[in-house]
Protein backbone atom coordinates (compact mmCIF):
# COMPACT_ATOMS: atom_id res chain seq x y z
CA UNK A 1 -10.21 18.62 34.18
CA UNK A 2 -10.94 19.16 30.51
CA UNK A 3 -13.22 16.84 28.59
CA UNK A 4 -11.56 14.06 26.60
CA UNK A 5 -11.65 14.51 22.84
CA UNK A 6 -13.61 11.49 21.51
CA UNK A 7 -11.65 11.60 18.24
CA UNK A 8 -8.27 11.13 19.92
CA UNK A 9 -6.96 8.10 21.81
CA UNK A 10 -5.80 8.31 25.39
CA UNK A 11 -4.20 6.07 27.96
CA UNK A 12 -6.49 3.24 29.00
CA UNK A 13 -9.03 3.67 26.19
CA UNK A 14 -10.36 0.82 24.07
CA UNK A 15 -9.65 0.79 20.34
CA UNK A 16 -10.60 -1.39 17.40
CA UNK A 17 -7.57 -2.39 15.34
CA UNK A 18 -8.46 -3.19 11.73
CA UNK A 19 -5.53 -5.24 10.43
CA UNK A 20 -5.04 -5.54 6.67
CA UNK A 21 -8.39 -4.02 5.70
CA UNK A 22 -10.63 -6.36 7.67
CA UNK A 23 -8.57 -9.56 7.58
CA UNK A 24 -8.37 -9.37 11.35
CA UNK A 25 -10.25 -7.20 13.84
CA UNK A 26 -8.84 -6.82 17.34
CA UNK A 27 -10.28 -4.97 20.32
CA UNK A 28 -7.39 -3.64 22.40
CA UNK A 29 -6.90 -1.43 25.43
CA UNK A 30 -4.00 1.04 25.24
CA UNK A 31 -1.63 0.82 28.15
CA UNK A 32 -0.05 4.01 29.55
CA UNK A 33 3.33 3.06 28.04
CA UNK A 34 2.00 2.21 24.57
CA UNK A 35 4.20 3.76 21.90
CA UNK A 36 1.24 4.15 19.58
CA UNK A 37 0.57 7.54 21.17
CA UNK A 38 2.51 10.75 21.33
CA UNK A 39 1.80 13.39 23.96
CA UNK A 40 -1.40 14.50 22.22
CA UNK A 41 -2.62 11.02 21.28
CA UNK A 42 -3.38 9.54 17.89
CA UNK A 43 -6.45 10.40 15.87
CA UNK A 44 -8.85 7.58 15.07
CA UNK A 45 -8.74 6.27 11.46
CA UNK A 46 -4.96 6.70 11.45
CA UNK A 47 -3.07 4.03 9.47
CA UNK A 48 0.02 2.34 10.92
CA UNK A 49 2.39 -0.43 9.82
CA UNK A 50 2.79 -3.10 12.50
CA UNK A 51 6.49 -3.41 13.31
CA UNK A 52 8.50 -5.71 15.55
CA UNK A 53 7.62 -5.22 19.21
CA UNK A 54 4.01 -4.26 18.36
CA UNK A 55 4.97 -0.58 18.15
CA UNK A 56 2.91 1.40 15.65
CA UNK A 57 4.20 4.26 13.52
CA UNK A 58 1.93 6.36 11.36
CA UNK A 59 2.31 6.09 7.59
CA UNK A 60 0.88 7.66 4.46
CA UNK A 61 -0.93 6.17 1.51
CA UNK A 62 0.92 5.55 -1.75
CA UNK A 63 -0.18 7.65 -4.71
CA UNK A 64 -0.40 6.03 -8.13
CA UNK A 65 0.97 7.72 -11.24
CA UNK A 66 -0.34 7.63 -14.78
CA UNK A 67 1.96 6.10 -17.39
CA UNK A 68 1.83 4.21 -20.66
CA UNK A 69 3.55 0.92 -19.69
CA UNK A 70 1.80 -2.46 -19.84
CA UNK A 71 2.49 -6.03 -18.73
CA UNK A 72 2.17 -7.85 -22.04
CA UNK A 73 5.84 -8.94 -22.10
CA UNK A 74 5.86 -10.40 -18.59
CA UNK A 75 5.83 -14.18 -18.15
CA UNK A 76 4.79 -15.71 -14.83
CA UNK A 77 7.24 -18.61 -14.54
CA UNK A 78 8.16 -18.18 -10.83
CA UNK A 79 11.74 -17.29 -11.77
CA UNK A 80 11.57 -13.51 -11.37
CA UNK A 81 12.35 -13.51 -7.61
CA UNK A 82 15.98 -14.08 -6.65
CA UNK A 83 15.34 -13.98 -2.89
CA UNK A 84 14.60 -17.41 -1.38
CA UNK A 85 12.61 -18.35 1.68
CA UNK A 86 15.80 -19.14 3.57
CA UNK A 87 17.07 -15.64 2.86
CA UNK A 88 13.88 -14.13 4.28
CA UNK A 89 14.10 -16.28 7.41
CA UNK A 90 17.69 -15.17 7.87
CA UNK A 91 16.66 -11.52 7.60
CA UNK A 92 14.01 -12.07 10.24
CA UNK A 93 16.53 -13.66 12.59
CA UNK A 94 18.76 -10.64 12.13
CA UNK A 95 15.90 -8.34 13.18
CA UNK A 96 14.85 -6.93 9.81
CA UNK A 97 11.52 -5.09 9.81
CA UNK A 98 8.66 -5.93 7.51
CA UNK A 99 9.31 -2.89 5.33
CA UNK A 100 12.94 -3.93 4.89
CA UNK A 101 11.86 -7.40 3.77
CA UNK A 102 9.37 -5.90 1.32
CA UNK A 103 12.02 -3.59 -0.13
CA UNK A 104 14.42 -6.53 -0.43
CA UNK A 105 11.79 -8.54 -2.33
CA UNK A 106 11.20 -5.62 -4.68
CA UNK A 107 14.90 -5.04 -5.32
CA UNK A 108 15.47 -8.73 -6.04
CA UNK A 109 12.55 -8.99 -8.46
CA UNK A 110 13.71 -8.94 -12.08
CA UNK A 111 10.28 -7.91 -13.41
CA UNK A 112 9.21 -5.25 -10.90
CA UNK A 113 10.55 -2.29 -12.86
CA UNK A 114 8.87 -3.54 -16.04
CA UNK A 115 5.42 -3.53 -14.48
CA UNK A 116 2.93 -0.69 -14.59
CA UNK A 117 2.49 1.54 -11.56
CA UNK A 118 -0.77 -0.21 -10.74
CA UNK A 119 0.89 -3.64 -10.88
CA UNK A 120 3.82 -2.40 -8.82
CA UNK A 121 1.51 -1.10 -6.12
CA UNK A 122 -0.52 -4.32 -6.23
CA UNK A 123 2.69 -6.33 -5.77
CA UNK A 124 3.83 -4.08 -2.93
CA UNK A 125 0.51 -4.32 -1.10
CA UNK A 126 0.51 -8.11 -1.43
CA UNK A 127 3.95 -8.34 0.17
CA UNK A 128 3.13 -5.75 2.82
CA UNK A 129 0.05 -7.73 3.81
CA UNK A 130 2.24 -10.78 4.42
CA UNK A 131 5.42 -9.31 5.87
CA UNK A 132 4.39 -5.86 7.13
CA UNK A 133 0.71 -5.83 8.08
CA UNK A 134 -0.91 -2.41 8.45
CA UNK A 135 -3.33 -1.41 11.17
CA UNK A 136 -6.22 1.03 10.93
CA UNK A 137 -7.06 2.58 14.29
CA UNK A 138 -10.86 2.70 14.57
CA UNK A 139 -13.02 4.13 17.33
CA UNK A 140 -15.24 1.53 19.01
CA UNK A 141 -18.84 2.73 18.90
CA UNK A 142 -22.11 0.86 18.40
CA UNK A 143 -21.73 0.43 14.65
CA UNK A 144 -18.10 -0.71 14.57
CA UNK A 145 -18.58 -3.02 17.58
CA UNK A 146 -21.71 -4.58 16.10
CA UNK A 147 -20.08 -5.12 12.71
CA UNK A 148 -16.96 -6.63 14.29
CA UNK A 149 -18.89 -9.15 16.38
CA UNK A 150 -21.33 -9.98 13.58
CA UNK A 151 -18.49 -10.70 11.17
CA UNK A 152 -17.21 -13.84 12.85
CA UNK A 153 -19.26 -14.55 15.98
CA UNK A 154 -22.84 -13.35 15.38
CA UNK A 155 -24.25 -15.82 17.92
CA UNK A 156 -22.61 -13.89 20.74
CA UNK A 157 -24.77 -10.86 19.95
CA UNK A 158 -27.86 -12.84 19.01
CA UNK A 159 -27.23 -12.37 15.25
CA UNK A 160 -28.07 -8.68 15.67
CA UNK A 161 -26.98 -6.65 12.63
CA UNK A 162 -26.18 -2.97 12.65
CA UNK A 163 -29.16 -2.04 10.46
CA UNK A 164 -31.53 -3.92 12.78
CA UNK A 165 -29.92 -2.25 15.79
CA UNK A 166 -30.50 1.21 14.31
CA UNK A 167 -34.12 0.28 13.53
CA UNK A 168 -34.69 -0.81 17.14
CA UNK A 169 -33.33 2.47 18.50
CA UNK A 170 -35.49 4.50 16.14
CA UNK A 171 -38.72 2.56 16.67
CA UNK A 172 -38.31 2.62 20.47
CA UNK A 173 -37.96 6.42 20.28
CA UNK A 174 -34.64 6.55 22.14
CA UNK A 175 -33.94 10.24 22.64
CA UNK A 176 -32.12 12.41 25.16
CA UNK A 177 -33.43 12.49 28.75
CA UNK A 178 -35.30 9.21 28.27
CA UNK A 179 -35.60 6.50 30.92
CA UNK A 180 -35.19 3.28 28.94
CA UNK A 181 -35.97 -0.20 30.21
CA UNK A 182 -33.75 -2.76 28.46
CA UNK A 183 -33.70 -6.55 28.50
CA UNK A 184 -30.30 -7.25 27.00
CA UNK A 185 -29.15 -10.83 26.40
CA UNK A 186 -26.77 -9.91 23.56
CA UNK A 187 -23.73 -9.20 25.71
CA UNK A 188 -24.43 -5.55 26.44
CA UNK A 189 -24.43 -4.34 22.85
CA UNK A 190 -28.01 -3.04 23.08
CA UNK A 191 -27.35 -1.41 26.45
CA UNK A 192 -24.25 0.33 25.14
CA UNK A 193 -26.05 1.52 22.01
CA UNK A 194 -28.85 3.05 24.09
CA UNK A 195 -26.40 4.72 26.49
CA UNK A 196 -24.42 6.09 23.55
CA UNK A 197 -27.53 7.67 22.08
CA UNK A 198 -28.64 9.14 25.40
CA UNK A 199 -25.24 10.80 25.78
CA UNK A 200 -25.22 11.01 29.56
CA UNK A 201 -28.86 12.03 29.98
CA UNK A 202 -31.66 9.88 31.31
CA UNK A 203 -31.15 6.32 32.54
CA UNK A 204 -30.70 2.85 31.07
CA UNK A 205 -32.18 0.21 33.37
CA UNK A 206 -30.98 -3.27 32.42
CA UNK A 207 -33.63 -5.70 33.69
CA UNK A 208 -33.01 -9.42 34.16
CA UNK A 209 -34.96 -12.50 35.23
CA UNK A 210 -33.91 -14.43 38.30
CA UNK A 211 -31.13 -13.49 40.70
CA UNK A 212 -28.19 -13.26 38.28
CA UNK A 213 -27.91 -10.30 35.87
CA UNK A 214 -27.05 -10.83 32.23
CA UNK A 215 -23.59 -9.95 31.01
CA UNK A 216 -23.02 -6.43 29.67
CA UNK A 217 -19.26 -6.79 29.15
CA UNK A 218 -19.42 -5.17 25.70
CA UNK A 219 -20.35 -1.87 27.39
CA UNK A 220 -16.74 -1.56 28.57
CA UNK A 221 -15.53 -1.28 24.97
CA UNK A 222 -17.54 1.92 24.35
CA UNK A 223 -15.13 4.15 26.33
CA UNK A 224 -17.99 5.70 28.28
CA UNK A 225 -17.20 8.40 30.79
CA UNK A 226 -17.95 7.96 34.47
CA UNK A 227 -21.06 10.12 34.18
CA UNK A 228 -22.54 7.87 31.48
CA UNK A 229 -21.61 4.70 33.38
CA UNK A 230 -23.49 5.98 36.44
CA UNK A 231 -26.65 6.11 34.34
CA UNK A 232 -26.40 2.44 33.32
CA UNK A 233 -28.06 0.53 36.16
CA UNK A 234 -29.46 -2.94 36.77
CA UNK A 235 -32.57 -4.24 38.45
CA UNK A 236 -34.33 -7.63 38.52
CA UNK A 237 -37.65 -7.88 36.73
CA UNK A 238 -39.27 -9.22 39.89
CA UNK A 239 -38.07 -6.14 41.76
CA UNK A 240 -39.52 -3.74 39.21
CA UNK A 241 -42.83 -5.59 39.12
CA UNK A 242 -42.99 -5.68 42.92
CA UNK A 243 -42.31 -1.96 42.98
CA UNK A 244 -45.20 -1.50 40.57
CA UNK A 245 -47.46 -3.42 42.97
CA UNK A 246 -46.18 -1.63 46.09
CA UNK A 247 -44.53 -4.66 47.73
CA UNK A 248 -41.74 -4.27 50.33
CA UNK A 249 -38.24 -4.05 48.89
CA UNK A 250 -36.07 -5.45 51.70
CA UNK A 251 -35.87 -8.95 50.23
CA UNK A 252 -35.33 -7.59 46.72
CA UNK A 253 -32.43 -5.37 47.80
CA UNK A 254 -30.70 -8.31 49.51
CA UNK A 255 -30.95 -10.34 46.28
CA UNK A 256 -29.55 -7.44 44.27
CA UNK A 257 -26.47 -7.30 46.48
CA UNK A 258 -25.86 -11.01 45.94
CA UNK A 259 -26.40 -10.78 42.19
CA UNK A 260 -24.09 -7.77 41.69
CA UNK A 261 -21.00 -10.00 41.54
CA UNK A 262 -18.90 -10.33 38.41
CA UNK A 263 -19.69 -13.98 37.55
CA UNK A 264 -22.45 -14.40 34.96
CA UNK A 265 -23.70 -17.59 33.30
CA UNK A 266 -24.30 -15.80 29.99
CA UNK A 267 -20.94 -14.02 30.02
CA UNK A 268 -19.46 -12.79 26.78
CA UNK A 269 -15.79 -12.38 27.51
CA UNK A 270 -14.17 -9.23 26.20
CA UNK A 271 -10.93 -9.69 28.12
CA UNK A 272 -9.47 -12.37 25.88
CA UNK A 273 -11.11 -11.98 22.50
CA UNK A 274 -10.08 -10.86 18.93
CA UNK A 275 -11.83 -11.47 15.64
CA UNK A 276 -9.78 -13.12 12.93
CA UNK A 277 -10.90 -14.32 9.53
CA UNK A 278 -7.78 -16.42 9.17
CA UNK A 279 -8.07 -18.85 12.08
CA UNK A 280 -11.71 -18.26 13.01
CA UNK A 281 -10.98 -17.25 16.61
CA UNK A 282 -12.36 -14.35 18.62
CA UNK A 283 -9.97 -12.98 21.21
CA UNK A 284 -9.49 -9.54 22.72
CA UNK A 285 -6.14 -8.08 23.75
CA UNK A 286 -6.54 -6.23 27.06
CA UNK A 287 -3.43 -4.06 26.58
CA UNK A 288 -1.11 -3.13 23.72
CA UNK A 289 2.21 -4.98 23.94
CA UNK A 290 5.15 -2.58 23.96
CA UNK A 291 8.91 -2.93 23.96
CA UNK A 292 9.32 -0.01 26.33
CA UNK A 293 10.71 -1.00 29.76
CA UNK A 294 9.21 2.11 31.32
CA UNK A 295 6.67 1.17 34.02
CA UNK A 296 3.14 2.30 33.22
CA UNK A 297 2.06 5.52 34.87
CA UNK A 298 -1.17 5.89 36.74
CA UNK A 299 -3.87 7.27 34.42
CA UNK A 300 -7.12 8.66 35.71
CA UNK A 301 -8.93 7.58 32.56
CA UNK A 302 -7.99 3.90 32.91
CA UNK A 303 -10.30 3.18 35.83
CA UNK A 304 -13.72 4.76 35.45
CA UNK A 305 -17.01 4.16 37.20
CA UNK A 306 -18.23 0.65 36.53
CA UNK A 307 -21.45 0.41 34.55
CA UNK A 308 -24.26 -1.83 35.74
CA UNK A 309 -24.60 -0.97 39.42
CA UNK A 310 -27.89 -1.59 41.20
CA UNK A 311 -30.53 1.05 40.60
CA UNK A 312 -30.82 3.65 43.37
CA UNK A 313 -33.97 4.04 45.39
CA UNK A 314 -34.50 7.57 44.05
CA UNK A 315 -34.45 6.34 40.47
CA UNK A 316 -36.80 3.46 41.34
CA UNK A 317 -39.27 5.87 42.96
CA UNK A 318 -39.13 8.08 39.87
CA UNK A 319 -39.89 5.15 37.58
CA UNK A 320 -42.69 4.03 39.88
CA UNK A 321 -44.30 7.45 39.61
CA UNK A 322 -43.73 8.24 35.94
CA UNK A 323 -42.94 4.90 34.31
CA UNK A 324 -40.29 4.20 31.68
CA UNK A 325 -40.39 6.18 28.45
CA UNK A 326 -39.20 3.29 26.24
CA UNK A 327 -38.75 -0.48 26.30
CA UNK A 328 -36.18 -2.46 24.30
CA UNK A 329 -35.97 -6.25 24.36
CA UNK A 330 -33.27 -8.36 22.74
CA UNK A 331 -33.59 -11.75 24.44
CA UNK A 332 -33.51 -14.59 21.89
CA UNK A 333 -33.46 -17.18 24.68
CA UNK A 334 -36.69 -15.97 26.32
CA UNK A 335 -40.31 -16.20 25.26
CA UNK A 336 -41.22 -12.83 23.78
CA UNK A 337 -44.83 -12.76 24.96
CA UNK A 338 -44.04 -13.74 28.56
CA UNK A 339 -41.48 -11.00 29.06
CA UNK A 340 -43.56 -8.36 27.24
CA UNK A 341 -46.65 -9.14 29.29
CA UNK A 342 -44.65 -8.67 32.46
CA UNK A 343 -42.82 -5.48 31.49
CA UNK A 344 -45.41 -3.44 29.57
CA UNK A 345 -47.24 -2.25 32.74
CA UNK A 346 -43.96 -0.61 33.82
CA UNK A 347 -44.10 1.85 30.91
CA UNK A 348 -45.64 5.30 30.94
CA UNK A 349 -48.61 6.32 28.83
CA UNK A 350 -47.99 6.11 25.06
CA UNK A 351 -44.46 4.78 25.58
CA UNK A 352 -42.83 3.13 22.60
CA UNK A 353 -41.35 -0.35 22.71
CA UNK A 354 -39.39 -2.54 20.30
CA UNK A 355 -38.56 -6.24 20.42
CA UNK A 356 -35.84 -8.10 18.55
CA UNK A 357 -35.80 -11.79 17.73
CA UNK A 358 -34.00 -13.92 15.20
CA UNK A 359 -37.22 -15.71 14.17
CA UNK A 360 -40.68 -14.53 13.16
CA UNK A 361 -43.04 -16.88 15.03
CA UNK A 362 -42.32 -15.68 18.62
CA UNK A 363 -43.00 -12.09 17.56
CA UNK A 364 -46.16 -13.08 15.66
CA UNK A 365 -47.51 -14.82 18.76
CA UNK A 366 -46.62 -11.82 20.90
CA UNK A 367 -48.30 -9.41 18.50
CA UNK A 368 -51.47 -11.55 18.38
CA UNK A 369 -51.75 -11.64 22.17
CA UNK A 370 -51.18 -7.88 22.42
CA UNK A 371 -53.96 -7.28 19.93
CA UNK A 372 -56.34 -9.61 21.75
CA UNK A 373 -55.64 -7.92 25.07
CA UNK A 374 -55.78 -4.43 23.55
CA UNK A 375 -52.53 -3.64 25.32
CA UNK A 376 -50.82 -1.70 22.50
CA UNK A 377 -51.53 0.21 19.32
CA UNK A 378 -49.56 0.77 16.13
CA UNK A 379 -48.08 -2.73 16.20
CA UNK A 380 -45.83 -3.69 13.30
CA UNK A 381 -43.50 -6.55 12.50
CA UNK A 382 -40.60 -5.87 10.17
CA UNK A 383 -38.12 -8.23 8.54
CA UNK A 384 -35.02 -6.18 7.70
CA UNK A 385 -32.56 -8.04 5.52
CA UNK A 386 -29.05 -7.46 4.27
CA UNK A 387 -27.35 -8.76 1.13
CA UNK A 388 -23.65 -8.31 0.47
CA UNK A 389 -22.49 -6.86 -2.82
CA UNK A 390 -20.80 -9.37 -5.07
CA UNK A 391 -17.26 -8.31 -5.94
CA UNK A 392 -13.67 -9.39 -6.14
CA UNK A 393 -13.46 -10.11 -2.41
CA UNK A 394 -16.97 -11.60 -2.04
CA UNK A 395 -17.61 -14.35 -4.57
CA UNK A 396 -20.75 -15.80 -2.98
CA UNK A 397 -22.69 -13.03 -1.20
CA UNK A 398 -24.89 -14.11 1.69
CA UNK A 399 -28.29 -12.82 2.73
CA UNK A 400 -29.19 -12.18 6.38
CA UNK A 401 -32.69 -11.55 7.73
CA UNK A 402 -33.84 -10.55 11.22
CA UNK A 403 -37.21 -9.96 12.83
CA UNK A 404 -38.26 -7.03 14.99
CA UNK A 405 -41.58 -5.71 16.28
CA UNK A 406 -42.54 -2.34 17.68
CA UNK A 407 -45.60 -0.52 18.93
CA UNK A 408 -46.98 2.01 21.44
CA UNK A 409 -48.15 0.90 24.87
CA UNK A 410 -51.81 1.59 25.60
CA UNK A 411 -53.04 1.32 29.19
CA UNK A 412 -55.84 -1.20 29.58
CA UNK A 413 -59.09 -0.28 31.36
CA UNK A 414 -58.19 -2.10 34.57
CA UNK A 415 -54.84 -0.31 34.65
CA UNK A 416 -56.58 3.04 34.30
CA UNK A 417 -59.00 2.18 37.11
CA UNK A 418 -56.07 1.43 39.41
């Protein structure tokens, strides 16, 4: 079986639909009968007009022409359009497409031909946005997923921005063939970003407190292959710490089997969510709606290995012997120092770690305690911030600031004696 081209869609894959240049962002899963695809699939970043029946057909951009006309003689008195709202409703009832309605509006406008090419295209785009919305097919990867969630529902990912996410990955030294310990309470975004960077090498161990693992539902949007999903595992923090101390694992394994169910208290649903700037709702469409009566065919790519299985005993023994090569923590609901104090002994010598938090004080306290205990070197706290450019679409730009800390684990004397 040949490898799937990551630049081309396929049956059962997740896509990010950018409707009307960011007005609405929708995560969708393509069904086998979706008419968006031909036999070879559609390339990401393709532009489609959304027609009746939710079928998508590829289109091309309009090219402007240079000319010497101007709009000085035009008067905006709301009398230029001869087509009424009742006429448009009647066209819709008769099954007219959005493009047909736009063309009818243009043909019934008494001032359209007098406008410049730029004004004509501006008028056309305004009507297309209302009657014939266009969809940009985007590939869901860590940047696009993070930006989509941060746009309307940042609390679901702990207010983690894409620039802060990239800083965490760099400071934690996430490279190929690394064994990364992750505490992810941001819906699986951090876990998916680490797995994407590893590219099917090494392991991502998602640690959790208690008996119930944290939700990593966002990982399913990344379109990971079965090989990558096998390398995303879960383990309770108590189990990893007990392994470090050499305690029996029978009780821990029984708890892992109970906690491997699909119900999570911190669940971030990706089955029924889409991001819309119009109504402020976040809902995700699981499958593309199609008008085709053909029953969906069985696709091998639709059902892949589920990410987040319990860590195998071989992997646990390897981590016990060598330790983890990196540690990443994004748990705004937990005390930073408590979790760091518990997890740092699980790292190997000179392993890098990075911690994300929305506020500065928890990281400052954690850094102070690490310095007092001489547990780490090269400690730094950074406050990355982002300011939007002010323009025609953004009248009042906002400023966002996050906090993150990183350092290198240094074994204490009593750890070395052991």
